[in-house]
Amino acid sequence: MKPLHILIAEDESLIRLGLKCILEEAGHTVDAAEDGQAALELAESRTPDVAILDIRMPRMDGMEAARRLYDRTPIPILFLTAYGERELVEKAARLPIQGYLVKPLREAELFAMIEVAVSRFEEQARTARVAADASAALAEQRTLQRAKGLLMQREGISELSAHQRLEQQARSERRTLLEVAEEIAGSPTGSPSGSSPNSSTSNTR
């Protein structure tokens, strides 16, 4: 696992210092805070790669700190929890976190969970990017189809001719095909700028 910048928030000093020592010995850079508020203040100066937050802390608990951290810049987040905190774990499950570390911590489990959290977060980010790209492509295709449909309907031309009209205008005006299509799709007449429905270019059938 590559070296990471890890943010720890834990109000029990022995656990906090123990975690910091273990992680730094493994080559990671660690910022350690005694509560959620202090963790947010540390994250302002440098966004961590991973956050490990105790659920129960004074001033600001781990759940509120997780919400604010994630809203600011989404990162992988792990919660520290003790046995018997089922209710808190159920509430925490509604947050965008990657897993839990149960006290007392085992070193092997700590490193494994960090690696899993980073991997899971990166996979979720890739999936979100693919979904966003697909959604954008679908929206662009719909705009293009609407623009061609308007030209076909208003000028009585074929789909191929409508597409050629869009391409011709995009080239002549040095704009993208999507920009021209958006203009026509939003136009009351469905006509390209500077053209009328009965322009000479509308004779192609």
C-alpha atoms as a PDB file:
ATOM      1  CA  MET A   1       0.000   0.000   0.000  1.00  0.00           C
ATOM      2  CA  LYS A   2       1.348   3.433  -0.965  1.00  0.00           C
ATOM      3  CA  PRO A   3       2.014   6.004   1.790  1.00  0.00           C
ATOM      4  CA  LEU A   4      -1.121   7.927   2.718  1.00  0.00           C
ATOM      5  CA  HIS A   5      -2.007  11.065   4.623  1.00  0.00           C
ATOM      6  CA  ILE A   6      -4.314   9.748   7.352  1.00  0.00           C
ATOM      7  CA  LEU A   7      -6.483  11.769   9.705  1.00  0.00           C
ATOM      8  CA  ILE A   8      -7.306  10.229  13.096  1.00  0.00           C
ATOM      9  CA  ALA A   9      -9.932  11.530  15.487  1.00  0.00           C
ATOM     10  CA  GLU A  10     -10.036   9.707  18.843  1.00  0.00           C
ATOM     11  CA  ASP A  11     -10.633  11.197  22.291  1.00  0.00           C
ATOM     12  CA  GLU A  12      -8.789   8.420  24.165  1.00  0.00           C
ATOM     13  CA  SER A  13      -5.169   9.551  24.092  1.00  0.00           C
ATOM     14  CA  LEU A  14      -3.639   6.068  24.411  1.00  0.00           C
ATOM     15  CA  ILE A  15      -5.583   4.748  21.438  1.00  0.00           C
ATOM     16  CA  ARG A  16      -4.919   7.921  19.423  1.00  0.00           C
ATOM     17  CA  LEU A  17      -1.183   7.882  20.045  1.00  0.00           C
ATOM     18  CA  GLY A  18      -1.001   4.123  19.493  1.00  0.00           C
ATOM     19  CA  LEU A  19      -2.705   4.422  16.106  1.00  0.00           C
ATOM     20  CA  LYS A  20      -0.485   7.326  15.122  1.00  0.00           C
ATOM     21  CA  CYS A  21       2.656   5.400  16.038  1.00  0.00           C
ATOM     22  CA  ILE A  22       1.607   2.232  14.159  1.00  0.00           C
ATOM     23  CA  LEU A  23       0.660   4.133  11.012  1.00  0.00           C
ATOM     24  CA  GLU A  24       3.746   6.347  10.977  1.00  0.00           C
ATOM     25  CA  GLU A  25       6.003   3.312  11.404  1.00  0.00           C
ATOM     26  CA  ALA A  26       4.338   1.900   8.284  1.00  0.00           C
ATOM     27  CA  GLY A  27       5.337   5.032   6.336  1.00  0.00           C
ATOM     28  CA  HIS A  28       2.101   7.000   6.484  1.00  0.00           C
ATOM     29  CA  THR A  29       1.727  10.674   7.412  1.00  0.00           C
ATOM     30  CA  VAL A  30      -0.700  11.098  10.319  1.00  0.00           C
ATOM     31  CA  ASP A  31      -2.641  14.015  11.757  1.00  0.00           C
ATOM     32  CA  ALA A  32      -4.241  13.158  15.107  1.00  0.00           C
ATOM     33  CA  ALA A  33      -7.127  15.027  16.735  1.00  0.00           C
ATOM     34  CA  GLU A  34      -8.901  14.590  20.083  1.00  0.00           C
ATOM     35  CA  ASP A  35     -12.407  15.181  18.675  1.00  0.00           C
ATOM     36  CA  GLY A  36     -14.376  15.775  15.493  1.00  0.00           C
ATOM     37  CA  GLN A  37     -14.077  19.554  15.597  1.00  0.00           C
ATOM     38  CA  ALA A  38     -10.297  19.415  15.861  1.00  0.00           C
ATOM     39  CA  ALA A  39     -10.237  16.880  13.012  1.00  0.00           C
ATOM     40  CA  LEU A  40     -12.126  19.270  10.735  1.00  0.00           C
ATOM     41  CA  GLU A  41      -9.696  22.054  11.594  1.00  0.00           C
ATOM     42  CA  LEU A  42      -6.735  19.827  10.685  1.00  0.00           C
ATOM     43  CA  ALA A  43      -8.402  18.832   7.405  1.00  0.00           C
ATOM     44  CA  GLU A  44      -8.770  22.501   6.415  1.00  0.00           C
ATOM     45  CA  SER A  45      -5.028  22.927   5.975  1.00  0.00           C
ATOM     46  CA  ARG A  46      -4.527  19.622   4.145  1.00  0.00           C
ATOM     47  CA  THR A  47      -7.168  17.220   2.869  1.00  0.00           C
ATOM     48  CA  PRO A  48      -6.396  13.695   4.104  1.00  0.00           C
ATOM     49  CA  ASP A  49      -6.413  10.600   1.894  1.00  0.00           C
ATOM     50  CA  VAL A  50      -8.250   8.623   4.587  1.00  0.00           C
ATOM     51  CA  ALA A  51     -10.008   9.499   7.844  1.00  0.00           C
ATOM     52  CA  ILE A  52     -10.364   7.199  10.858  1.00  0.00           C
ATOM     53  CA  LEU A  53     -12.962   8.617  13.237  1.00  0.00           C
ATOM     54  CA  ASP A  54     -14.147   7.428  16.620  1.00  0.00           C
ATOM     55  CA  ILE A  55     -17.942   7.510  16.769  1.00  0.00           C
ATOM     56  CA  ARG A  56     -18.222   8.783  20.373  1.00  0.00           C
ATOM     57  CA  MET A  57     -16.278  12.001  20.959  1.00  0.00           C
ATOM     58  CA  PRO A  58     -16.839  15.281  22.843  1.00  0.00           C
ATOM     59  CA  ARG A  59     -17.650  18.600  21.100  1.00  0.00           C
ATOM     60  CA  MET A  60     -18.361  16.855  17.782  1.00  0.00           C
ATOM     61  CA  ASP A  61     -18.866  13.124  17.331  1.00  0.00           C
ATOM     62  CA  GLY A  62     -17.501  11.041  14.484  1.00  0.00           C
ATOM     63  CA  MET A  63     -20.767  10.919  12.572  1.00  0.00           C
ATOM     64  CA  GLU A  64     -21.101  14.695  12.332  1.00  0.00           C
ATOM     65  CA  ALA A  65     -17.394  15.023  11.493  1.00  0.00           C
ATOM     66  CA  ALA A  66     -17.811  12.404   8.747  1.00  0.00           C
ATOM     67  CA  ARG A  67     -20.737  14.296   7.221  1.00  0.00           C
ATOM     68  CA  ARG A  68     -18.818  17.561   7.144  1.00  0.00           C
ATOM     69  CA  LEU A  69     -15.599  16.005   5.868  1.00  0.00           C
ATOM     70  CA  TYR A  70     -17.422  14.196   3.068  1.00  0.00           C
ATOM     71  CA  ASP A  71     -19.447  17.263   2.099  1.00  0.00           C
ATOM     72  CA  ARG A  72     -16.254  19.287   1.817  1.00  0.00           C
ATOM     73  CA  THR A  73     -14.215  16.740  -0.155  1.00  0.00           C
ATOM     74  CA  PRO A  74     -15.284  13.085  -0.444  1.00  0.00           C
ATOM     75  CA  ILE A  75     -12.634  10.762   1.000  1.00  0.00           C
ATOM     76  CA  PRO A  76     -12.577   7.185   2.347  1.00  0.00           C
ATOM     77  CA  ILE A  77     -13.787   7.166   5.972  1.00  0.00           C
ATOM     78  CA  LEU A  78     -13.551   4.427   8.593  1.00  0.00           C
ATOM     79  CA  PHE A  79     -15.314   4.522  11.950  1.00  0.00           C
ATOM     80  CA  LEU A  80     -13.802   3.378  15.215  1.00  0.00           C
ATOM     81  CA  THR A  81     -16.379   1.617  17.364  1.00  0.00           C
ATOM     82  CA  ALA A  82     -16.563  -0.504  20.497  1.00  0.00           C
ATOM     83  CA  TYR A  83     -18.518  -3.706  21.031  1.00  0.00           C
ATOM     84  CA  GLY A  84     -22.097  -3.124  22.110  1.00  0.00           C
ATOM     85  CA  GLU A  85     -22.630   0.057  20.079  1.00  0.00           C
ATOM     86  CA  ARG A  86     -25.115  -1.530  17.678  1.00  0.00           C
ATOM     87  CA  GLU A  87     -27.448   1.488  17.669  1.00  0.00           C
ATOM     88  CA  LEU A  88     -24.616   3.847  16.731  1.00  0.00           C
ATOM     89  CA  VAL A  89     -23.402   1.485  14.023  1.00  0.00           C
ATOM     90  CA  GLU A  90     -26.896   1.356  12.524  1.00  0.00           C
ATOM     91  CA  LYS A  91     -27.024   5.161  12.410  1.00  0.00           C
ATOM     92  CA  ALA A  92     -23.530   5.326  10.955  1.00  0.00           C
ATOM     93  CA  ALA A  93     -24.516   2.894   8.193  1.00  0.00           C
ATOM     94  CA  ARG A  94     -26.583   5.691   6.640  1.00  0.00           C
ATOM     95  CA  LEU A  95     -23.423   7.726   6.082  1.00  0.00           C
ATOM     96  CA  PRO A  96     -21.015   7.393   3.120  1.00  0.00           C
ATOM     97  CA  ILE A  97     -18.354   5.398   4.952  1.00  0.00           C
ATOM     98  CA  GLN A  98     -16.228   2.448   3.857  1.00  0.00           C
ATOM     99  CA  GLY A  99     -16.159   0.341   7.025  1.00  0.00           C
ATOM    100  CA  TYR A 100     -15.611  -0.083  10.753  1.00  0.00           C
ATOM    101  CA  LEU A 101     -12.677  -0.800  13.017  1.00  0.00           C
ATOM    102  CA  VAL A 102     -13.626  -2.471  16.295  1.00  0.00           C
ATOM    103  CA  LYS A 103     -11.711  -1.722  19.494  1.00  0.00           C
ATOM    104  CA  PRO A 104      -9.380  -3.115  20.660  1.00  0.00           C
ATOM    105  CA  LEU A 105      -7.633  -2.821  17.310  1.00  0.00           C
ATOM    106  CA  ARG A 106      -5.424  -5.468  15.765  1.00  0.00           C
ATOM    107  CA  GLU A 107      -2.608  -4.128  13.609  1.00  0.00           C
ATOM    108  CA  ALA A 108      -3.248  -6.524  10.717  1.00  0.00           C
ATOM    109  CA  GLU A 109      -6.939  -5.639  10.680  1.00  0.00           C
ATOM    110  CA  LEU A 110      -6.114  -1.929  10.710  1.00  0.00           C
ATOM    111  CA  PHE A 111      -3.962  -2.092   7.577  1.00  0.00           C
ATOM    112  CA  ALA A 112      -6.333  -4.464   5.806  1.00  0.00           C
ATOM    113  CA  MET A 113      -9.326  -2.214   6.435  1.00  0.00           C
ATOM    114  CA  ILE A 114      -7.486   0.895   5.264  1.00  0.00           C
ATOM    115  CA  GLU A 115      -6.526  -0.860   2.046  1.00  0.00           C
ATOM    116  CA  VAL A 116     -10.094  -2.097   1.531  1.00  0.00           C
ATOM    117  CA  ALA A 117     -11.514   1.371   2.248  1.00  0.00           C
ATOM    118  CA  VAL A 118      -9.253   3.074  -0.287  1.00  0.00           C
ATOM    119  CA  SER A 119      -9.936   0.408  -2.921  1.00  0.00           C
ATOM    120  CA  ARG A 120     -13.701   0.497  -2.319  1.00  0.00           C
ATOM    121  CA  PHE A 121     -13.783   4.295  -2.458  1.00  0.00           C
ATOM    122  CA  GLU A 122     -11.820   4.405  -5.722  1.00  0.00           C
ATOM    123  CA  GLU A 123     -14.144   1.809  -7.274  1.00  0.00           C
ATOM    124  CA  GLN A 124     -17.214   3.792  -6.204  1.00  0.00           C
ATOM    125  CA  ALA A 125     -15.675   6.957  -7.660  1.00  0.00           C
ATOM    126  CA  ARG A 126     -14.973   5.184 -10.970  1.00  0.00           C
ATOM    127  CA  THR A 127     -18.545   3.863 -11.083  1.00  0.00           C
ATOM    128  CA  ALA A 128     -19.917   7.340 -10.388  1.00  0.00           C
ATOM    129  CA  ARG A 129     -17.772   8.838 -13.164  1.00  0.00           C
ATOM    130  CA  VAL A 130     -18.932   6.209 -15.652  1.00  0.00           C
ATOM    131  CA  ALA A 131     -22.565   6.809 -14.688  1.00  0.00           C
ATOM    132  CA  ALA A 132     -22.132  10.582 -15.016  1.00  0.00           C
ATOM    133  CA  ASP A 133     -20.469  10.212 -18.420  1.00  0.00           C
ATOM    134  CA  ALA A 134     -23.238   7.897 -19.605  1.00  0.00           C
ATOM    135  CA  SER A 135     -25.906  10.308 -18.361  1.00  0.00           C
ATOM    136  CA  ALA A 136     -24.224  13.244 -20.101  1.00  0.00           C
ATOM    137  CA  ALA A 137     -23.885  11.272 -23.338  1.00  0.00           C
ATOM    138  CA  LEU A 138     -27.566  10.317 -23.208  1.00  0.00           C
ATOM    139  CA  ALA A 139     -28.588  13.942 -22.608  1.00  0.00           C
ATOM    140  CA  GLU A 140     -26.440  15.070 -25.548  1.00  0.00           C
ATOM    141  CA  GLN A 141     -27.951  12.413 -27.799  1.00  0.00           C
ATOM    142  CA  ARG A 142     -31.466  13.487 -26.820  1.00  0.00           C
ATOM    143  CA  THR A 143     -30.654  17.130 -27.599  1.00  0.00           C
ATOM    144  CA  LEU A 144     -29.225  16.156 -30.976  1.00  0.00           C
ATOM    145  CA  GLN A 145     -32.252  14.020 -31.799  1.00  0.00           C
ATOM    146  CA  ARG A 146     -34.624  16.810 -30.753  1.00  0.00           C
ATOM    147  CA  ALA A 147     -32.801  19.342 -32.919  1.00  0.00           C
ATOM    148  CA  LYS A 148     -32.868  17.010 -35.936  1.00  0.00           C
ATOM    149  CA  GLY A 149     -36.525  16.223 -35.311  1.00  0.00           C
ATOM    150  CA  LEU A 150     -37.411  19.921 -35.271  1.00  0.00           C
ATOM    151  CA  LEU A 151     -35.564  20.539 -38.518  1.00  0.00           C
ATOM    152  CA  MET A 152     -37.224  17.516 -40.133  1.00  0.00           C
ATOM    153  CA  GLN A 153     -40.672  18.641 -39.002  1.00  0.00           C
ATOM    154  CA  ARG A 154     -40.365  22.347 -39.782  1.00  0.00           C
ATOM    155  CA  GLU A 155     -38.495  22.046 -43.087  1.00  0.00           C
ATOM    156  CA  GLY A 156     -39.671  18.679 -44.378  1.00  0.00           C
ATOM    157  CA  ILE A 157     -36.198  17.183 -44.744  1.00  0.00           C
ATOM    158  CA  SER A 158     -34.768  13.765 -43.991  1.00  0.00           C
ATOM    159  CA  GLU A 159     -32.881  12.878 -40.804  1.00  0.00           C
ATOM    160  CA  LEU A 160     -29.656  12.616 -42.801  1.00  0.00           C
ATOM    161  CA  SER A 161     -30.194  16.075 -44.270  1.00  0.00           C
ATOM    162  CA  ALA A 162     -31.010  17.482 -40.848  1.00  0.00           C
ATOM    163  CA  HIS A 163     -27.803  16.014 -39.441  1.00  0.00           C
ATOM    164  CA  GLN A 164     -25.810  17.445 -42.337  1.00  0.00           C
ATOM    165  CA  ARG A 165     -27.374  20.845 -41.717  1.00  0.00           C
ATOM    166  CA  LEU A 166     -26.263  20.727 -38.101  1.00  0.00           C
ATOM    167  CA  GLU A 167     -22.736  19.691 -39.037  1.00  0.00           C
ATOM    168  CA  GLN A 168     -22.514  22.394 -41.719  1.00  0.00           C
ATOM    169  CA  GLN A 169     -23.560  25.123 -39.286  1.00  0.00           C
ATOM    170  CA  ALA A 170     -21.193  23.852 -36.609  1.00  0.00           C
ATOM    171  CA  ARG A 171     -18.265  23.982 -39.057  1.00  0.00           C
ATOM    172  CA  SER A 172     -19.142  27.394 -40.457  1.00  0.00           C
ATOM    173  CA  GLU A 173     -19.561  28.932 -36.998  1.00  0.00           C
ATOM    174  CA  ARG A 174     -16.675  26.979 -35.468  1.00  0.00           C
ATOM    175  CA  ARG A 175     -18.870  25.585 -32.756  1.00  0.00           C
ATOM    176  CA  THR A 176     -19.539  22.076 -31.557  1.00  0.00           C
ATOM    177  CA  LEU A 177     -22.386  20.021 -32.929  1.00  0.00           C
ATOM    178  CA  LEU A 178     -23.923  19.965 -29.460  1.00  0.00           C
ATOM    179  CA  GLU A 179     -23.867  23.772 -29.156  1.00  0.00           C
ATOM    180  CA  VAL A 180     -25.721  24.141 -32.443  1.00  0.00           C
ATOM    181  CA  ALA A 181     -28.182  21.394 -31.497  1.00  0.00           C
ATOM    182  CA  GLU A 182     -28.868  23.041 -28.120  1.00  0.00           C
ATOM    183  CA  GLU A 183     -29.570  26.354 -29.849  1.00  0.00           C
ATOM    184  CA  ILE A 184     -31.998  24.784 -32.317  1.00  0.00           C
ATOM    185  CA  ALA A 185     -33.669  22.578 -29.700  1.00  0.00           C
ATOM    186  CA  GLY A 186     -34.310  25.680 -27.594  1.00  0.00           C
ATOM    187  CA  SER A 187     -35.433  27.856 -30.516  1.00  0.00           C
ATOM    188  CA  PRO A 188     -39.172  28.590 -30.905  1.00  0.00           C
ATOM    189  CA  THR A 189     -38.908  27.923 -34.662  1.00  0.00           C
ATOM    190  CA  GLY A 190     -36.435  25.075 -34.472  1.00  0.00           C
ATOM    191  CA  SER A 191     -34.306  26.844 -37.075  1.00  0.00           C
ATOM    192  CA  PRO A 192     -30.540  27.447 -37.012  1.00  0.00           C
ATOM    193  CA  SER A 193     -29.446  31.005 -36.282  1.00  0.00           C
ATOM    194  CA  GLY A 194     -29.486  33.112 -39.375  1.00  0.00           C
ATOM    195  CA  SER A 195     -31.691  30.599 -41.250  1.00  0.00           C
ATOM    196  CA  SER A 196     -35.375  30.448 -41.971  1.00  0.00           C
ATOM    197  CA  PRO A 197     -37.491  27.316 -42.347  1.00  0.00           C
ATOM    198  CA  ASN A 198     -37.720  28.007 -46.084  1.00  0.00           C
ATOM    199  CA  SER A 199     -34.000  28.603 -46.672  1.00  0.00           C
ATOM    200  CA  SER A 200     -32.452  27.171 -49.814  1.00  0.00           C
ATOM    201  CA  THR A 201     -30.587  24.532 -47.840  1.00  0.00           C
ATOM    202  CA  SER A 202     -33.910  22.960 -46.908  1.00  0.00           C
ATOM    203  CA  ASN A 203     -34.539  21.573 -50.399  1.00  0.00           C
ATOM    204  CA  THR A 204     -32.566  18.395 -49.788  1.00  0.00           C
ATOM    205  CA  ARG A 205     -35.067  15.567 -49.253  1.00  0.00           C
END
